[in-house]
C-alpha atoms as a PDB file:
ATOM      1  CA  MET A   1      13.208  -2.774 -15.587  1.00  0.00           C
ATOM      2  CA  LYS A   2      14.236  -6.082 -14.622  1.00  0.00           C
ATOM      3  CA  GLY A   3      13.053  -5.845 -10.884  1.00  0.00           C
ATOM      4  CA  LYS A   4       9.912  -6.709 -10.010  1.00  0.00           C
ATOM      5  CA  PHE A   5       7.150  -4.578  -8.313  1.00  0.00           C
ATOM      6  CA  ILE A   6       5.520  -6.244  -5.299  1.00  0.00           C
ATOM      7  CA  THR A   7       2.920  -3.762  -3.298  1.00  0.00           C
ATOM      8  CA  LEU A   8       0.675  -4.701  -0.257  1.00  0.00           C
ATOM      9  CA  GLU A   9      -2.603  -3.201   0.014  1.00  0.00           C
ATOM     10  CA  GLY A  10      -5.368  -3.211   2.815  1.00  0.00           C
ATOM     11  CA  THR A  11      -7.660  -0.976   5.298  1.00  0.00           C
ATOM     12  CA  GLU A  12      -5.781  -0.353   8.607  1.00  0.00           C
ATOM     13  CA  GLY A  13      -5.366  -3.778  11.197  1.00  0.00           C
ATOM     14  CA  VAL A  14      -5.345  -6.333   8.313  1.00  0.00           C
ATOM     15  CA  GLY A  15      -1.947  -6.968   8.913  1.00  0.00           C
ATOM     16  CA  LYS A  16       0.230  -5.425   6.571  1.00  0.00           C
ATOM     17  CA  SER A  17       3.352  -5.523   8.494  1.00  0.00           C
ATOM     18  CA  THR A  18       3.145  -9.097  10.065  1.00  0.00           C
ATOM     19  CA  ASN A  19       2.685 -10.205   5.923  1.00  0.00           C
ATOM     20  CA  ILE A  20       5.320  -8.182   4.604  1.00  0.00           C
ATOM     21  CA  ALA A  21       7.495 -10.164   6.692  1.00  0.00           C
ATOM     22  CA  CYS A  22       6.339 -13.269   5.478  1.00  0.00           C
ATOM     23  CA  ILE A  23       6.826 -12.067   1.862  1.00  0.00           C
ATOM     24  CA  GLU A  24      10.563 -11.554   2.835  1.00  0.00           C
ATOM     25  CA  GLN A  25      10.443 -14.566   4.106  1.00  0.00           C
ATOM     26  CA  TRP A  26       9.419 -16.286   0.578  1.00  0.00           C
ATOM     27  CA  LEU A  27      12.005 -13.536  -1.568  1.00  0.00           C
ATOM     28  CA  VAL A  28      15.121 -14.921   0.955  1.00  0.00           C
ATOM     29  CA  ALA A  29      13.945 -18.491   0.472  1.00  0.00           C
ATOM     30  CA  ARG A  30      14.000 -18.190  -3.119  1.00  0.00           C
ATOM     31  CA  GLY A  31      17.445 -16.103  -3.083  1.00  0.00           C
ATOM     32  CA  ILE A  32      16.019 -13.100  -4.820  1.00  0.00           C
ATOM     33  CA  GLU A  33      17.409  -9.838  -4.146  1.00  0.00           C
ATOM     34  CA  PHE A  34      15.161  -7.392  -3.153  1.00  0.00           C
ATOM     35  CA  ILE A  35      14.414  -4.481  -1.186  1.00  0.00           C
ATOM     36  CA  SER A  36      11.387  -3.388   1.585  1.00  0.00           C
ATOM     37  CA  THR A  37       9.973   0.079   1.511  1.00  0.00           C
ATOM     38  CA  ARG A  38       6.619   1.653   2.637  1.00  0.00           C
ATOM     39  CA  GLU A  39       4.563   4.464   1.642  1.00  0.00           C
ATOM     40  CA  PRO A  40       4.283   7.695   2.812  1.00  0.00           C
ATOM     41  CA  GLY A  41       7.647   7.033   3.738  1.00  0.00           C
ATOM     42  CA  GLY A  42      10.395   5.238   2.604  1.00  0.00           C
ATOM     43  CA  THR A  43      13.043   8.098   2.211  1.00  0.00           C
ATOM     44  CA  GLU A  44      14.412  10.463   4.700  1.00  0.00           C
ATOM     45  CA  LEU A  45      12.540  13.055   3.474  1.00  0.00           C
ATOM     46  CA  GLY A  46       9.549  10.754   2.595  1.00  0.00           C
ATOM     47  CA  GLU A  47       9.891  10.170   6.332  1.00  0.00           C
ATOM     48  CA  GLU A  48       9.338  13.597   7.359  1.00  0.00           C
ATOM     49  CA  ILE A  49       6.395  13.676   5.288  1.00  0.00           C
ATOM     50  CA  ARG A  50       4.738  10.654   6.667  1.00  0.00           C
ATOM     51  CA  GLY A  51       5.191  11.958  10.660  1.00  0.00           C
ATOM     52  CA  LEU A  52       3.199  15.561   9.154  1.00  0.00           C
ATOM     53  CA  LEU A  53       0.791  13.253   7.910  1.00  0.00           C
ATOM     54  CA  LEU A  54      -0.271  10.731  10.485  1.00  0.00           C
ATOM     55  CA  ASP A  55       0.647  13.424  13.177  1.00  0.00           C
ATOM     56  CA  HIS A  56      -2.438  14.527  15.543  1.00  0.00           C
ATOM     57  CA  ARG A  57      -3.009  18.312  15.525  1.00  0.00           C
ATOM     58  CA  SER A  58      -5.368  20.799  16.417  1.00  0.00           C
ATOM     59  CA  ALA A  59      -5.904  22.232  12.976  1.00  0.00           C
ATOM     60  CA  SER A  60      -7.654  20.441  10.126  1.00  0.00           C
ATOM     61  CA  VAL A  61      -5.555  19.261   7.115  1.00  0.00           C
ATOM     62  CA  ASP A  62      -7.133  19.822   3.956  1.00  0.00           C
ATOM     63  CA  ILE A  63      -7.695  17.488   1.634  1.00  0.00           C
ATOM     64  CA  MET A  64      -5.485  19.061  -1.169  1.00  0.00           C
ATOM     65  CA  THR A  65      -2.943  19.298   1.229  1.00  0.00           C
ATOM     66  CA  GLU A  66      -2.953  15.631   2.038  1.00  0.00           C
ATOM     67  CA  LEU A  67      -2.886  14.341  -1.676  1.00  0.00           C
ATOM     68  CA  LEU A  68       0.160  16.625  -2.609  1.00  0.00           C
ATOM     69  CA  LEU A  69       1.714  15.766   0.274  1.00  0.00           C
ATOM     70  CA  MET A  70       1.233  12.121  -0.684  1.00  0.00           C
ATOM     71  CA  PHE A  71       2.454  12.760  -3.904  1.00  0.00           C
ATOM     72  CA  ALA A  72       5.136  14.619  -2.916  1.00  0.00           C
ATOM     73  CA  ALA A  73       6.813  11.582  -0.757  1.00  0.00           C
ATOM     74  CA  ARG A  74       5.882   9.374  -3.911  1.00  0.00           C
ATOM     75  CA  ALA A  75       7.737  11.436  -6.234  1.00  0.00           C
ATOM     76  CA  GLN A  76      11.018  11.350  -3.753  1.00  0.00           C
ATOM     77  CA  HIS A  77      10.448   8.032  -2.946  1.00  0.00           C
ATOM     78  CA  LEU A  78      10.690   7.020  -6.758  1.00  0.00           C
ATOM     79  CA  TYR A  79      13.456   9.172  -7.596  1.00  0.00           C
ATOM     80  CA  GLU A  80      15.773   7.848  -4.864  1.00  0.00           C
ATOM     81  CA  LYS A  81      14.799   4.552  -3.881  1.00  0.00           C
ATOM     82  CA  ILE A  82      11.974   2.540  -6.039  1.00  0.00           C
ATOM     83  CA  LEU A  83      13.485   3.500  -9.472  1.00  0.00           C
ATOM     84  CA  PRO A  84      17.134   2.494  -9.135  1.00  0.00           C
ATOM     85  CA  ALA A  85      16.318  -0.701  -7.409  1.00  0.00           C
ATOM     86  CA  LEU A  86      14.079  -1.893 -10.255  1.00  0.00           C
ATOM     87  CA  ASN A  87      16.591  -0.449 -12.808  1.00  0.00           C
ATOM     88  CA  LYS A  88      19.414  -2.484 -11.751  1.00  0.00           C
ATOM     89  CA  GLY A  89      17.344  -5.972 -11.179  1.00  0.00           C
ATOM     90  CA  THR A  90      16.650  -5.308  -7.929  1.00  0.00           C
ATOM     91  CA  TRP A  91      12.767  -6.459  -6.419  1.00  0.00           C
ATOM     92  CA  VAL A  92      10.955  -3.327  -4.457  1.00  0.00           C
ATOM     93  CA  LEU A  93       8.237  -4.395  -2.111  1.00  0.00           C
ATOM     94  CA  CYS A  94       6.558  -1.599  -0.843  1.00  0.00           C
ATOM     95  CA  ASP A  95       3.703  -1.000   1.901  1.00  0.00           C
ATOM     96  CA  ARG A  96       0.981   0.858  -0.186  1.00  0.00           C
ATOM     97  CA  PHE A  97       1.792   2.753  -3.432  1.00  0.00           C
ATOM     98  CA  THR A  98      -0.637   5.089  -5.262  1.00  0.00           C
ATOM     99  CA  ASP A  99      -3.805   2.383  -5.132  1.00  0.00           C
ATOM    100  CA  ALA A 100      -3.848   3.684  -1.537  1.00  0.00           C
ATOM    101  CA  THR A 101      -4.429   7.301  -2.245  1.00  0.00           C
ATOM    102  CA  PHE A 102      -6.737   6.154  -4.907  1.00  0.00           C
ATOM    103  CA  ALA A 103      -8.567   4.530  -1.845  1.00  0.00           C
ATOM    104  CA  TYR A 104      -7.781   6.440   0.885  1.00  0.00           C
ATOM    105  CA  GLN A 105      -7.987  10.104  -0.696  1.00  0.00           C
ATOM    106  CA  GLY A 106     -10.382   8.991  -3.727  1.00  0.00           C
ATOM    107  CA  GLY A 107     -12.912   6.339  -1.755  1.00  0.00           C
ATOM    108  CA  GLY A 108     -12.169   8.172   1.949  1.00  0.00           C
ATOM    109  CA  ARG A 109     -12.121  11.874   1.243  1.00  0.00           C
ATOM    110  CA  GLY A 110     -13.913  11.856  -1.913  1.00  0.00           C
ATOM    111  CA  VAL A 111     -11.357  13.436  -4.406  1.00  0.00           C
ATOM    112  CA  ASP A 112     -11.460  13.369  -8.101  1.00  0.00           C
ATOM    113  CA  THR A 113      -9.882  10.467  -9.339  1.00  0.00           C
ATOM    114  CA  GLU A 114      -9.134  11.966 -12.407  1.00  0.00           C
ATOM    115  CA  LEU A 115      -7.085  14.273 -10.548  1.00  0.00           C
ATOM    116  CA  ILE A 116      -5.532  11.506  -8.403  1.00  0.00           C
ATOM    117  CA  GLN A 117      -4.914   9.465 -11.496  1.00  0.00           C
ATOM    118  CA  THR A 118      -3.108  13.294 -13.185  1.00  0.00           C
ATOM    119  CA  LEU A 119      -1.230  13.431 -10.367  1.00  0.00           C
ATOM    120  CA  ALA A 120      -0.156   9.972 -10.320  1.00  0.00           C
ATOM    121  CA  ASN A 121       0.626  10.372 -14.076  1.00  0.00           C
ATOM    122  CA  LEU A 122       2.615  12.784 -13.780  1.00  0.00           C
ATOM    123  CA  VAL A 123       5.278  11.183 -10.939  1.00  0.00           C
ATOM    124  CA  HIS A 124       5.036   7.693 -12.077  1.00  0.00           C
ATOM    125  CA  LYS A 125       3.807   7.912 -15.598  1.00  0.00           C
ATOM    126  CA  GLU A 126       2.979   4.002 -16.411  1.00  0.00           C
ATOM    127  CA  LEU A 127       4.498   2.341 -13.641  1.00  0.00           C
ATOM    128  CA  GLN A 128       2.781   0.178 -12.271  1.00  0.00           C
ATOM    129  CA  PRO A 129       3.135  -2.794  -9.551  1.00  0.00           C
ATOM    130  CA  ASP A 130       3.586  -6.291 -11.087  1.00  0.00           C
ATOM    131  CA  LEU A 131       1.686  -7.410  -8.514  1.00  0.00           C
ATOM    132  CA  THR A 132      -0.610  -6.119  -5.925  1.00  0.00           C
ATOM    133  CA  LEU A 133      -1.728  -7.963  -2.719  1.00  0.00           C
ATOM    134  CA  LEU A 134      -5.060  -6.330  -1.401  1.00  0.00           C
ATOM    135  CA  LEU A 135      -4.879  -7.527   2.531  1.00  0.00           C
ATOM    136  CA  ASP A 136      -9.576  -7.567   2.875  1.00  0.00           C
ATOM    137  CA  ILE A 137     -11.176  -7.385   6.109  1.00  0.00           C
ATOM    138  CA  GLU A 138     -14.374  -6.051   7.654  1.00  0.00           C
ATOM    139  CA  PRO A 139     -13.124  -2.475   8.663  1.00  0.00           C
ATOM    140  CA  GLN A 140     -15.203  -2.976  12.010  1.00  0.00           C
ATOM    141  CA  ILE A 141     -12.810  -5.844  12.236  1.00  0.00           C
ATOM    142  CA  GLY A 142      -9.450  -3.936  11.831  1.00  0.00           C
ATOM    143  CA  LEU A 143     -10.149  -0.868  13.803  1.00  0.00           C
ATOM    144  CA  SER A 144     -10.765  -3.405  16.621  1.00  0.00           C
ATOM    145  CA  ARG A 145      -7.349  -5.135  16.455  1.00  0.00           C
ATOM    146  CA  VAL A 146      -6.208  -0.704  16.036  1.00  0.00           C
ATOM    147  CA  ALA A 147      -7.362  -0.172  18.574  1.00  0.00           C
ATOM    148  CA  GLN A 148      -5.268  -2.601  20.956  1.00  0.00           C
ATOM    149  CA  ARG A 149      -2.441  -1.370  19.572  1.00  0.00           C
ATOM    150  CA  GLY A 150      -3.162   2.266  20.976  1.00  0.00           C
ATOM    151  CA  ASP A 151      -1.875   5.898  20.546  1.00  0.00           C
ATOM    152  CA  PRO A 152      -3.708   5.692  16.974  1.00  0.00           C
ATOM    153  CA  ASP A 153      -2.669   7.741  14.082  1.00  0.00           C
ATOM    154  CA  ARG A 154      -4.674  10.947  12.378  1.00  0.00           C
ATOM    155  CA  PHE A 155      -6.421   8.780  10.157  1.00  0.00           C
ATOM    156  CA  GLU A 156      -6.931   5.800  12.494  1.00  0.00           C
ATOM    157  CA  MET A 157      -8.873   8.019  14.465  1.00  0.00           C
ATOM    158  CA  GLU A 158     -11.328   8.581  11.532  1.00  0.00           C
ATOM    159  CA  GLU A 159     -14.896   6.721  11.741  1.00  0.00           C
ATOM    160  CA  LEU A 160     -16.028   3.842  10.879  1.00  0.00           C
ATOM    161  CA  ALA A 161     -17.480   5.029   7.304  1.00  0.00           C
ATOM    162  CA  PHE A 162     -14.892   6.441   6.061  1.00  0.00           C
ATOM    163  CA  PHE A 163     -12.855   2.980   6.347  1.00  0.00           C
ATOM    164  CA  GLU A 164     -15.795   1.415   4.645  1.00  0.00           C
ATOM    165  CA  ARG A 165     -15.852   3.691   1.816  1.00  0.00           C
ATOM    166  CA  VAL A 166     -11.667   3.163   1.412  1.00  0.00           C
ATOM    167  CA  ARG A 167     -12.801  -0.475   1.071  1.00  0.00           C
ATOM    168  CA  GLN A 168     -14.893  -0.052  -1.345  1.00  0.00           C
ATOM    169  CA  GLY A 169     -11.951   1.923  -3.085  1.00  0.00           C
ATOM    170  CA  TYR A 170      -9.948  -1.179  -3.156  1.00  0.00           C
ATOM    171  CA  HIS A 171     -12.472  -3.390  -4.610  1.00  0.00           C
ATOM    172  CA  GLN A 172     -13.061  -1.188  -6.997  1.00  0.00           C
ATOM    173  CA  GLN A 173      -9.739  -1.015  -8.220  1.00  0.00           C
ATOM    174  CA  LEU A 174      -9.674  -4.378  -7.952  1.00  0.00           C
ATOM    175  CA  ALA A 175     -12.686  -5.167 -10.065  1.00  0.00           C
ATOM    176  CA  GLU A 176     -10.829  -2.496 -12.823  1.00  0.00           C
ATOM    177  CA  GLN A 177      -7.027  -3.968 -12.608  1.00  0.00           C
ATOM    178  CA  PRO A 178      -7.925  -8.002 -12.012  1.00  0.00           C
ATOM    179  CA  GLU A 179      -4.971  -8.548 -13.934  1.00  0.00           C
ATOM    180  CA  ARG A 180      -2.919  -7.624 -11.423  1.00  0.00           C
ATOM    181  CA  TYR A 181      -4.652  -7.611  -8.455  1.00  0.00           C
ATOM    182  CA  ARG A 182      -4.917 -10.888  -5.849  1.00  0.00           C
ATOM    183  CA  LEU A 183      -7.441 -11.245  -2.912  1.00  0.00           C
ATOM    184  CA  ILE A 184      -6.408 -11.941   0.337  1.00  0.00           C
ATOM    185  CA  ASP A 185      -8.664 -12.713   3.018  1.00  0.00           C
ATOM    186  CA  ALA A 186      -7.205 -10.814   6.118  1.00  0.00           C
ATOM    187  CA  SER A 187      -9.868 -12.095   8.777  1.00  0.00           C
ATOM    188  CA  HIS A 188      -8.478 -16.045   8.305  1.00  0.00           C
ATOM    189  CA  SER A 189      -5.828 -17.002  10.984  1.00  0.00           C
ATOM    190  CA  PRO A 190      -2.218 -15.889  10.226  1.00  0.00           C
ATOM    191  CA  ASP A 191      -1.024 -18.893   9.109  1.00  0.00           C
ATOM    192  CA  ASP A 192      -3.898 -19.452   6.697  1.00  0.00           C
ATOM    193  CA  VAL A 193      -3.285 -15.677   5.476  1.00  0.00           C
ATOM    194  CA  ALA A 194       0.405 -16.570   4.865  1.00  0.00           C
ATOM    195  CA  GLY A 195      -0.387 -19.531   3.375  1.00  0.00           C
ATOM    196  CA  ALA A 196      -2.567 -17.872   0.993  1.00  0.00           C
ATOM    197  CA  ILE A 197       0.288 -15.365   0.388  1.00  0.00           C
ATOM    198  CA  HIS A 198       2.731 -17.513  -0.894  1.00  0.00           C
ATOM    199  CA  ARG A 199       0.462 -19.912  -2.638  1.00  0.00           C
ATOM    200  CA  VAL A 200      -0.042 -16.141  -5.043  1.00  0.00           C
ATOM    201  CA  LEU A 201       3.470 -15.612  -4.658  1.00  0.00           C
ATOM    202  CA  ASP A 202       4.305 -19.098  -5.981  1.00  0.00           C
ATOM    203  CA  LYS A 203       2.335 -18.823  -8.855  1.00  0.00           C
ATOM    204  CA  PHE A 204       3.547 -15.577  -9.507  1.00  0.00           C
ATOM    205  CA  ALA A 205       6.752 -16.687 -10.242  1.00  0.00           C
ATOM    206  CA  GLU A 206       6.046 -19.550 -12.175  1.00  0.00           C
ATOM    207  CA  GLN A 207       4.671 -16.964 -14.299  1.00  0.00           C
ATOM    208  CA  LEU A 208       8.117 -15.377 -15.005  1.00  0.00           C
ATOM    209  CA  VAL A 209       9.861 -18.521 -15.867  1.00  0.00           C
END
């Protein structure tokens, strides 16, 4: 595969949407062909599953149901969009990928990470992002940002302790896979965060030459 796979990760309120746009600008400036996508979602079927996962409902969602829906959306996403793009040399910029499942369902929900790894091996085998940018912030600060937007989704309504566990899940992955993870302090100003991201991307591009 000639295309590069870049993912953006982080808890709620870290500014992923703003910084996806920042990365897109960097790619455009360098004439790199790319697609932007997100998880869960990215395809017509995936977006329908996303709606099921984020929607408020009176009945609680079983943890295993949530996990399997995440991977069902991911399987379709890979089949329909991610792998075809990478195989023809197009870069893929994705708002979250399997790292989010390890953080949210593993760290946050307490799902056995070996089970998550088994599903990951089944769905995307050895495929991993070439570069993962982890936007990091104190969960309480992130949630205060989310509150300003109004109308939180099912995940955003979780308690602070849940997001603290999610953050720990991300940091554990950072420690285990430092070769592809880059930590970005998202508590700084938007310009400072954008600058940090651009420096990481510049160094990544230099390594490809």
